[in-house]
Amino acid sequence: MNWPIGPYGTSMGALLLMTLPIHWFLTRDEPESRVGLRDLPREIREKGYGWHIALYLLMFLYKALIDHHNEPMKARVGGFTHWFWSIE
């Protein structure tokens, strides 16, 4: 099967889709510790999570750049990554 969005898009989509359900599952016994979506921007500003979010975005952009650069070279240089792809 030829997946149209690639491994980077798949991992990013899975991360975005699964964040809230996993959060709700892990805090199912402590709903008072959850931060509402409406209060999220205030929480980010107050606790200084902006740097954390910015570094994660930078990390994902860097990974996209590296993957875009390395994928065409894999066919030419060989290596062992095809073993991992066959397992997946």
N, C-alpha and C. Protein backbone atom coordinates (compact mmCIF):
# COMPACT_ATOMS: atom_id res chain seq x y z
N MET A 1 0.84 -1.18 0.00
CA MET A 1 0.00 0.00 0.00
C MET A 1 0.88 1.24 0.00
N ASN A 2 0.58 2.18 -0.83
CA ASN A 2 1.34 3.42 -0.91
C ASN A 2 0.62 4.48 -0.10
N TRP A 3 1.18 4.82 1.05
CA TRP A 3 0.58 5.80 1.95
C TRP A 3 0.85 7.19 1.42
N PRO A 4 -0.17 8.01 1.17
CA PRO A 4 0.04 9.29 0.47
C PRO A 4 0.71 10.39 1.29
N ILE A 5 0.67 10.32 2.61
CA ILE A 5 1.20 11.45 3.38
C ILE A 5 2.58 11.20 3.96
N GLY A 6 3.13 10.02 3.85
CA GLY A 6 4.48 9.73 4.28
C GLY A 6 4.61 9.52 5.78
N PRO A 7 5.79 9.09 6.22
CA PRO A 7 5.98 8.78 7.64
C PRO A 7 5.92 10.01 8.53
N TYR A 8 6.41 11.14 8.06
CA TYR A 8 6.37 12.36 8.88
C TYR A 8 4.94 12.82 9.10
N GLY A 9 4.16 12.86 8.04
CA GLY A 9 2.77 13.26 8.16
C GLY A 9 1.96 12.30 9.01
N THR A 10 2.27 11.02 8.89
CA THR A 10 1.58 10.02 9.69
C THR A 10 1.87 10.20 11.18
N SER A 11 3.15 10.37 11.53
CA SER A 11 3.50 10.54 12.95
C SER A 11 2.95 11.85 13.50
N MET A 12 2.99 12.90 12.73
CA MET A 12 2.46 14.19 13.18
C MET A 12 0.95 14.11 13.36
N GLY A 13 0.26 13.50 12.42
CA GLY A 13 -1.18 13.35 12.53
C GLY A 13 -1.58 12.49 13.71
N ALA A 14 -0.86 11.39 13.92
CA ALA A 14 -1.15 10.53 15.07
C ALA A 14 -0.93 11.27 16.38
N LEU A 15 0.13 12.06 16.45
CA LEU A 15 0.40 12.84 17.66
C LEU A 15 -0.73 13.82 17.94
N LEU A 16 -1.16 14.53 16.92
CA LEU A 16 -2.21 15.52 17.11
C LEU A 16 -3.56 14.88 17.44
N LEU A 17 -3.86 13.76 16.78
CA LEU A 17 -5.15 13.10 17.01
C LEU A 17 -5.23 12.40 18.37
N MET A 18 -4.12 11.91 18.85
CA MET A 18 -4.14 11.11 20.08
C MET A 18 -3.86 11.90 21.35
N THR A 19 -3.44 13.15 21.24
CA THR A 19 -3.07 13.92 22.43
C THR A 19 -4.23 14.05 23.41
N LEU A 20 -5.36 14.56 22.96
CA LEU A 20 -6.48 14.76 23.88
C LEU A 20 -7.08 13.46 24.41
N PRO A 21 -7.31 12.44 23.57
CA PRO A 21 -7.84 11.19 24.15
C PRO A 21 -6.91 10.56 25.19
N ILE A 22 -5.61 10.60 24.94
CA ILE A 22 -4.67 10.04 25.93
C ILE A 22 -4.70 10.88 27.20
N HIS A 23 -4.75 12.19 27.07
CA HIS A 23 -4.82 13.07 28.24
C HIS A 23 -6.08 12.78 29.05
N TRP A 24 -7.21 12.67 28.38
CA TRP A 24 -8.47 12.39 29.09
C TRP A 24 -8.43 11.02 29.76
N PHE A 25 -7.81 10.04 29.10
CA PHE A 25 -7.71 8.71 29.70
C PHE A 25 -6.82 8.73 30.94
N LEU A 26 -5.68 9.40 30.86
CA LEU A 26 -4.74 9.41 31.99
C LEU A 26 -5.25 10.23 33.17
N THR A 27 -6.16 11.17 32.93
CA THR A 27 -6.70 11.99 34.03
C THR A 27 -8.15 11.65 34.32
N ARG A 28 -8.58 10.46 33.97
CA ARG A 28 -9.99 10.09 34.15
C ARG A 28 -10.40 10.09 35.62
N ASP A 29 -9.47 9.84 36.55
CA ASP A 29 -9.78 9.85 37.98
C ASP A 29 -9.55 11.21 38.62
N GLU A 30 -8.96 12.15 37.88
CA GLU A 30 -8.65 13.48 38.41
C GLU A 30 -9.11 14.57 37.45
N PRO A 31 -10.39 14.68 37.18
CA PRO A 31 -10.85 15.69 36.21
C PRO A 31 -10.58 17.12 36.66
N GLU A 32 -10.42 17.34 37.96
CA GLU A 32 -10.14 18.70 38.43
C GLU A 32 -8.74 19.17 38.07
N SER A 33 -7.84 18.25 37.72
CA SER A 33 -6.48 18.64 37.35
C SER A 33 -6.36 18.99 35.87
N ARG A 34 -7.42 18.81 35.11
CA ARG A 34 -7.39 19.14 33.69
C ARG A 34 -7.51 20.65 33.48
N VAL A 35 -6.85 21.12 32.44
CA VAL A 35 -6.96 22.52 32.05
C VAL A 35 -7.91 22.58 30.85
N GLY A 36 -8.93 23.40 30.95
CA GLY A 36 -9.88 23.53 29.85
C GLY A 36 -9.24 24.15 28.63
N LEU A 37 -9.77 23.82 27.46
CA LEU A 37 -9.22 24.37 26.22
C LEU A 37 -9.30 25.89 26.20
N ARG A 38 -10.34 26.45 26.81
CA ARG A 38 -10.49 27.90 26.86
C ARG A 38 -9.40 28.54 27.73
N ASP A 39 -8.95 27.83 28.77
CA ASP A 39 -7.93 28.36 29.67
C ASP A 39 -6.51 28.02 29.24
N LEU A 40 -6.36 27.26 28.18
CA LEU A 40 -5.04 26.81 27.76
C LEU A 40 -4.08 27.94 27.40
N PRO A 41 -4.48 28.96 26.62
CA PRO A 41 -3.53 30.04 26.32
C PRO A 41 -3.03 30.76 27.59
N ARG A 42 -3.91 30.98 28.55
CA ARG A 42 -3.50 31.62 29.80
C ARG A 42 -2.51 30.74 30.56
N GLU A 43 -2.78 29.45 30.60
CA GLU A 43 -1.89 28.50 31.28
C GLU A 43 -0.51 28.48 30.62
N ILE A 44 -0.48 28.52 29.30
CA ILE A 44 0.80 28.52 28.57
C ILE A 44 1.60 29.77 28.90
N ARG A 45 0.93 30.93 28.94
CA ARG A 45 1.63 32.17 29.27
C ARG A 45 2.11 32.19 30.71
N GLU A 46 1.24 31.80 31.64
CA GLU A 46 1.58 31.86 33.06
C GLU A 46 2.73 30.93 33.43
N LYS A 47 2.72 29.74 32.89
CA LYS A 47 3.72 28.74 33.28
C LYS A 47 4.95 28.74 32.38
N GLY A 48 4.96 29.57 31.36
CA GLY A 48 6.12 29.67 30.48
C GLY A 48 6.31 28.48 29.56
N TYR A 49 5.22 27.88 29.11
CA TYR A 49 5.32 26.73 28.23
C TYR A 49 5.60 27.12 26.78
N GLY A 50 5.67 28.40 26.49
CA GLY A 50 5.90 28.85 25.12
C GLY A 50 7.21 28.33 24.55
N TRP A 51 8.28 28.37 25.36
CA TRP A 51 9.58 27.85 24.91
C TRP A 51 9.50 26.36 24.61
N HIS A 52 8.82 25.64 25.47
CA HIS A 52 8.68 24.20 25.30
C HIS A 52 7.96 23.90 23.97
N ILE A 53 6.88 24.59 23.72
CA ILE A 53 6.11 24.39 22.49
C ILE A 53 6.95 24.79 21.27
N ALA A 54 7.66 25.91 21.37
CA ALA A 54 8.49 26.37 20.26
C ALA A 54 9.60 25.37 19.93
N LEU A 55 10.20 24.78 20.96
CA LEU A 55 11.26 23.80 20.72
C LEU A 55 10.71 22.52 20.10
N TYR A 56 9.51 22.11 20.50
CA TYR A 56 8.90 20.95 19.86
C TYR A 56 8.60 21.24 18.39
N LEU A 57 8.09 22.41 18.09
CA LEU A 57 7.83 22.77 16.69
C LEU A 57 9.13 22.80 15.88
N LEU A 58 10.18 23.36 16.48
CA LEU A 58 11.48 23.39 15.81
C LEU A 58 11.99 21.97 15.56
N MET A 59 11.81 21.09 16.54
CA MET A 59 12.24 19.71 16.40
C MET A 59 11.50 19.02 15.24
N PHE A 60 10.18 19.21 15.15
CA PHE A 60 9.42 18.58 14.07
C PHE A 60 9.80 19.16 12.71
N LEU A 61 10.04 20.47 12.64
CA LEU A 61 10.46 21.06 11.37
C LEU A 61 11.83 20.54 10.95
N TYR A 62 12.74 20.40 11.92
CA TYR A 62 14.07 19.87 11.62
C TYR A 62 13.98 18.43 11.14
N LYS A 63 13.12 17.64 11.78
CA LYS A 63 12.94 16.25 11.36
C LYS A 63 12.37 16.18 9.95
N ALA A 64 11.44 17.04 9.63
CA ALA A 64 10.88 17.05 8.28
C ALA A 64 11.95 17.39 7.25
N LEU A 65 12.80 18.35 7.57
CA LEU A 65 13.89 18.73 6.67
C LEU A 65 14.86 17.57 6.47
N ILE A 66 15.27 16.94 7.55
CA ILE A 66 16.21 15.83 7.47
C ILE A 66 15.60 14.65 6.71
N ASP A 67 14.35 14.32 7.00
CA ASP A 67 13.70 13.22 6.28
C ASP A 67 13.58 13.52 4.79
N HIS A 68 13.24 14.75 4.47
CA HIS A 68 13.12 15.15 3.07
C HIS A 68 14.47 15.01 2.36
N HIS A 69 15.54 15.31 3.07
CA HIS A 69 16.88 15.24 2.50
C HIS A 69 17.38 13.79 2.41
N ASN A 70 17.10 12.97 3.42
CA ASN A 70 17.67 11.63 3.50
C ASN A 70 16.91 10.56 2.71
N GLU A 71 15.61 10.71 2.56
CA GLU A 71 14.83 9.66 1.89
C GLU A 71 15.34 9.34 0.49
N PRO A 72 15.64 10.33 -0.37
CA PRO A 72 16.13 9.98 -1.71
C PRO A 72 17.49 9.26 -1.69
N MET A 73 18.29 9.49 -0.66
CA MET A 73 19.62 8.88 -0.61
C MET A 73 19.58 7.42 -0.18
N LYS A 74 18.53 7.00 0.50
CA LYS A 74 18.47 5.63 1.02
C LYS A 74 18.56 4.59 -0.09
N ALA A 75 17.93 4.86 -1.22
CA ALA A 75 17.96 3.90 -2.32
C ALA A 75 19.36 3.76 -2.91
N ARG A 76 20.14 4.84 -2.88
CA ARG A 76 21.48 4.81 -3.47
C ARG A 76 22.52 4.20 -2.55
N VAL A 77 22.42 4.44 -1.25
CA VAL A 77 23.48 4.00 -0.34
C VAL A 77 23.18 2.67 0.33
N GLY A 78 21.96 2.19 0.23
CA GLY A 78 21.62 0.92 0.87
C GLY A 78 21.52 1.09 2.37
N GLY A 79 21.99 0.12 3.11
CA GLY A 79 21.92 0.21 4.56
C GLY A 79 20.96 -0.83 5.11
N PHE A 80 20.58 -0.64 6.33
CA PHE A 80 19.75 -1.63 7.01
C PHE A 80 18.33 -1.15 7.26
N THR A 81 17.99 0.07 6.85
CA THR A 81 16.66 0.59 7.17
C THR A 81 15.55 -0.19 6.49
N HIS A 82 15.85 -0.84 5.37
CA HIS A 82 14.80 -1.63 4.69
C HIS A 82 14.35 -2.79 5.56
N TRP A 83 15.21 -3.29 6.45
CA TRP A 83 14.79 -4.35 7.37
C TRP A 83 13.71 -3.85 8.31
N PHE A 84 13.89 -2.63 8.83
CA PHE A 84 12.90 -2.07 9.73
C PHE A 84 11.58 -1.80 9.01
N TRP A 85 11.67 -1.32 7.78
CA TRP A 85 10.46 -1.06 7.01
C TRP A 85 9.71 -2.36 6.73
N SER A 86 10.44 -3.46 6.51
CA SER A 86 9.76 -4.73 6.25
C SER A 86 9.06 -5.25 7.50
N ILE A 87 9.61 -4.96 8.68
CA ILE A 87 8.97 -5.38 9.93
C ILE A 87 7.69 -4.58 10.15
N GLU A 88 7.74 -3.29 9.87
CA GLU A 88 6.57 -2.44 10.07
C GLU A 88 5.48 -2.84 9.12
